[in-house]
Amino acid sequence: MCGIDNLKLDMKSLPEGESAVAVSLGNDFFSALEDSEISQGDVHVDVSIRKTVHFSDVTFHAIGTVEIPCDRCLDPMEQPIDAMQHLTVKFGSEYSEDDDLITITEEAPVLDLSWLVYEAIILSLPVKHVHAPGKCNRAMIQLLAEHSATRSDDTAEELQEIDPRWSALQELKQRFN
């Protein structure tokens, strides 16, 4: 398993043609990133580079599992991930990032993929992180049910009563059906 430094590629020293790098990311990688919502993980990243005289095509594929908090019970849960990204890298006068085009300088020819891989992993996560049915922390689910706004008896009685305006609309609806 590796930290952030293993995803730094010296683009100037790479030979022209095809190159490949394989990296396994573990807990060291995710703990090295500040404010990461991922606490742990086991992710394998395959990086393929096709270098020509004028530019390089860099593609990485990250596959594995990460540990994130469940949105419902806050317990850690494993989430499988499968992320892929394609970049074009070229040399220029100053460093810049425009969508999938990264310009690096001859003086600093190192391409740091660590943050790009992390972003791809985060974007591959579903919006809602919830355990499978029945897998959430039962004590937390019970607390949620006890403190839910729809639990009170007064609210249940109010839901039983129908507003007279709605009952008039219901009668109109029945008349025309």
Protein backbone atom coordinates (compact mmCIF):
# COMPACT_ATOMS: atom_id res chain seq x y z
CA MET A 1 0.00 0.00 0.00
CA CYS A 2 1.22 3.50 -0.67
CA GLY A 3 0.85 7.12 0.22
CA ILE A 4 0.50 10.15 -1.99
CA ASP A 5 4.06 10.17 -3.37
CA ASN A 6 3.59 6.99 -5.43
CA LEU A 7 1.21 8.81 -7.77
CA LYS A 8 3.73 11.41 -8.89
CA LEU A 9 4.93 10.81 -12.45
CA ASP A 10 8.04 12.46 -13.90
CA MET A 11 6.70 13.08 -17.40
CA LYS A 12 10.05 14.25 -18.75
CA SER A 13 11.85 10.99 -17.88
CA LEU A 14 9.17 8.70 -19.34
CA PRO A 15 10.13 7.14 -22.69
CA GLU A 16 8.05 7.83 -25.79
CA GLY A 17 5.42 5.20 -26.44
CA GLU A 18 3.36 3.16 -23.98
CA SER A 19 4.11 3.02 -20.24
CA ALA A 20 2.13 1.60 -17.34
CA VAL A 21 2.16 2.06 -13.59
CA ALA A 22 0.18 0.03 -11.05
CA VAL A 23 -0.37 1.38 -7.55
CA SER A 24 -2.32 0.04 -4.57
CA LEU A 25 -3.81 2.72 -2.36
CA GLY A 26 -4.53 1.95 1.26
CA ASN A 27 -5.27 3.69 4.53
CA ASP A 28 -2.02 5.72 4.34
CA PHE A 29 -3.21 7.39 1.15
CA PHE A 30 -6.65 8.35 2.49
CA SER A 31 -5.32 9.52 5.88
CA ALA A 32 -2.72 11.73 4.14
CA LEU A 33 -5.52 13.70 2.45
CA GLU A 34 -7.00 16.48 4.59
CA ASP A 35 -10.77 16.53 5.18
CA SER A 36 -11.34 13.24 3.39
CA GLU A 37 -14.74 11.68 3.94
CA ILE A 38 -13.11 8.32 3.19
CA SER A 39 -11.57 6.91 6.35
CA GLN A 40 -10.05 3.73 4.90
CA GLY A 41 -9.79 1.95 1.62
CA ASP A 42 -8.20 -0.66 -0.56
CA VAL A 43 -8.04 0.63 -4.12
CA HIS A 44 -5.94 -0.60 -7.03
CA VAL A 45 -5.04 2.04 -9.62
CA ASP A 46 -3.76 1.19 -13.09
CA VAL A 47 -2.20 4.14 -14.91
CA SER A 48 -1.42 3.90 -18.62
CA ILE A 49 0.58 6.60 -20.37
CA ARG A 50 1.01 7.07 -24.11
CA LYS A 51 3.72 9.64 -24.63
CA THR A 52 4.39 11.37 -27.96
CA VAL A 53 6.67 14.27 -28.84
CA HIS A 54 4.01 16.95 -28.25
CA PHE A 55 1.72 15.53 -25.56
CA SER A 56 0.91 12.51 -23.38
CA ASP A 57 -2.37 10.67 -22.92
CA VAL A 58 -2.80 9.52 -19.34
CA THR A 59 -5.61 7.18 -18.35
CA PHE A 60 -6.16 5.77 -14.89
CA HIS A 61 -8.62 3.19 -13.65
CA ALA A 62 -9.27 2.89 -9.90
CA ILE A 63 -11.17 -0.13 -8.59
CA GLY A 64 -11.66 -1.40 -5.06
CA THR A 65 -13.54 -0.56 -1.87
CA VAL A 66 -13.52 2.43 0.45
CA GLU A 67 -14.96 2.95 3.91
CA ILE A 68 -17.32 5.87 4.38
CA PRO A 69 -19.88 6.77 7.06
CA CYS A 70 -23.48 5.67 6.52
CA ASP A 71 -25.80 8.67 6.10
CA ARG A 72 -28.47 7.03 8.25
CA CYS A 73 -26.65 5.49 11.24
CA LEU A 74 -23.15 7.06 10.88
CA ASP A 75 -21.44 3.66 11.25
CA PRO A 76 -18.66 2.93 8.76
CA MET A 77 -19.69 1.03 5.65
CA GLU A 78 -17.79 -0.42 2.73
CA GLN A 79 -18.58 1.01 -0.67
CA PRO A 80 -17.25 -0.52 -3.89
CA ILE A 81 -15.81 1.99 -6.35
CA ASP A 82 -14.90 1.87 -10.01
CA ALA A 83 -13.54 5.12 -11.43
CA MET A 84 -11.83 5.93 -14.71
CA GLN A 85 -10.43 9.19 -16.07
CA HIS A 86 -8.56 10.26 -19.18
CA LEU A 87 -6.20 13.26 -19.24
CA THR A 88 -4.04 14.94 -21.82
CA VAL A 89 -0.75 16.32 -20.54
CA LYS A 90 1.47 18.73 -22.43
CA PHE A 91 4.47 20.92 -21.66
CA GLY A 92 4.03 24.69 -21.59
CA SER A 93 5.31 27.90 -20.05
CA GLU A 94 3.25 27.62 -16.84
CA TYR A 95 1.21 25.03 -14.97
CA SER A 96 -2.54 24.99 -15.69
CA GLU A 97 -5.52 22.65 -15.53
CA ASP A 98 -8.38 23.02 -18.01
CA ASP A 99 -10.92 20.19 -17.76
CA ASP A 100 -8.99 17.17 -19.04
CA LEU A 101 -5.96 19.12 -20.30
CA ILE A 102 -3.07 19.65 -17.89
CA THR A 103 -0.10 21.82 -18.81
CA ILE A 104 3.13 21.27 -16.88
CA THR A 105 6.44 23.09 -17.19
CA GLU A 106 9.84 21.74 -18.26
CA GLU A 107 11.28 22.96 -14.94
CA ALA A 108 8.66 21.05 -12.91
CA PRO A 109 7.80 18.04 -15.08
CA VAL A 110 6.16 16.01 -12.32
CA LEU A 111 2.48 15.21 -12.74
CA ASP A 112 0.84 14.58 -9.36
CA LEU A 113 -2.14 12.28 -9.91
CA SER A 114 -2.98 11.83 -6.21
CA TRP A 115 -5.67 14.52 -6.01
CA LEU A 116 -7.08 13.62 -9.44
CA VAL A 117 -7.40 9.96 -8.42
CA TYR A 118 -9.03 10.98 -5.13
CA GLU A 119 -11.53 13.24 -6.96
CA ALA A 120 -12.39 10.42 -9.36
CA ILE A 121 -12.98 8.07 -6.42
CA ILE A 122 -15.19 10.62 -4.64
CA LEU A 123 -17.20 11.29 -7.81
CA SER A 124 -17.78 7.56 -8.31
CA LEU A 125 -19.48 7.27 -4.90
CA PRO A 126 -23.27 7.32 -4.85
CA VAL A 127 -24.90 10.50 -3.58
CA LYS A 128 -26.59 8.65 -0.74
CA HIS A 129 -24.41 6.37 1.40
CA VAL A 130 -26.70 3.92 3.19
CA HIS A 131 -26.17 0.40 4.46
CA ALA A 132 -28.12 -2.42 2.84
CA PRO A 133 -31.55 -2.97 4.46
CA GLY A 134 -31.14 -4.45 7.94
CA LYS A 135 -27.41 -3.65 8.19
CA CYS A 136 -27.64 -0.24 9.91
CA ASN A 137 -26.84 0.16 13.60
CA ARG A 138 -30.09 -0.90 15.31
CA ALA A 139 -29.59 1.36 18.33
CA MET A 140 -29.19 4.42 16.09
CA ILE A 141 -32.22 3.48 13.97
CA GLN A 142 -34.27 3.12 17.15
CA LEU A 143 -33.13 6.57 18.33
CA LEU A 144 -34.06 8.05 14.96
CA ALA A 145 -37.52 6.50 15.16
CA GLU A 146 -38.03 7.84 18.70
CA HIS A 147 -37.06 11.37 17.75
CA SER A 148 -38.82 11.48 14.40
CA ALA A 149 -41.33 14.32 13.96
CA THR A 150 -44.11 11.99 12.75
CA ARG A 151 -44.00 9.97 15.99
CA SER A 152 -46.18 12.23 18.15
CA ASP A 153 -49.80 11.16 18.76
CA ASP A 154 -51.13 14.69 18.09
CA THR A 155 -49.71 14.64 14.59
CA ALA A 156 -51.27 11.23 13.88
CA GLU A 157 -54.70 12.51 14.91
CA GLU A 158 -54.30 15.60 12.73
CA LEU A 159 -53.44 13.43 9.75
CA GLN A 160 -56.65 11.44 10.30
CA GLU A 161 -58.82 14.56 9.99
CA ILE A 162 -59.36 15.87 6.46
CA ASP A 163 -59.47 19.56 5.83
CA PRO A 164 -63.05 20.44 4.74
CA ARG A 165 -61.74 22.19 1.63
CA TRP A 166 -60.12 18.95 0.49
CA SER A 167 -63.26 16.94 1.18
CA ALA A 168 -65.23 19.34 -1.07
CA LEU A 169 -62.67 18.76 -3.83
CA GLN A 170 -62.90 15.01 -3.23
CA GLU A 171 -66.69 15.19 -3.75
CA LEU A 172 -66.23 17.10 -7.05
CA LYS A 173 -63.72 14.54 -8.20
CA GLN A 174 -66.08 11.66 -7.45
CA ARG A 175 -68.95 13.40 -9.23
CA PHE A 176 -67.01 13.70 -12.51
CA ASN A 177 -65.60 10.17 -12.49
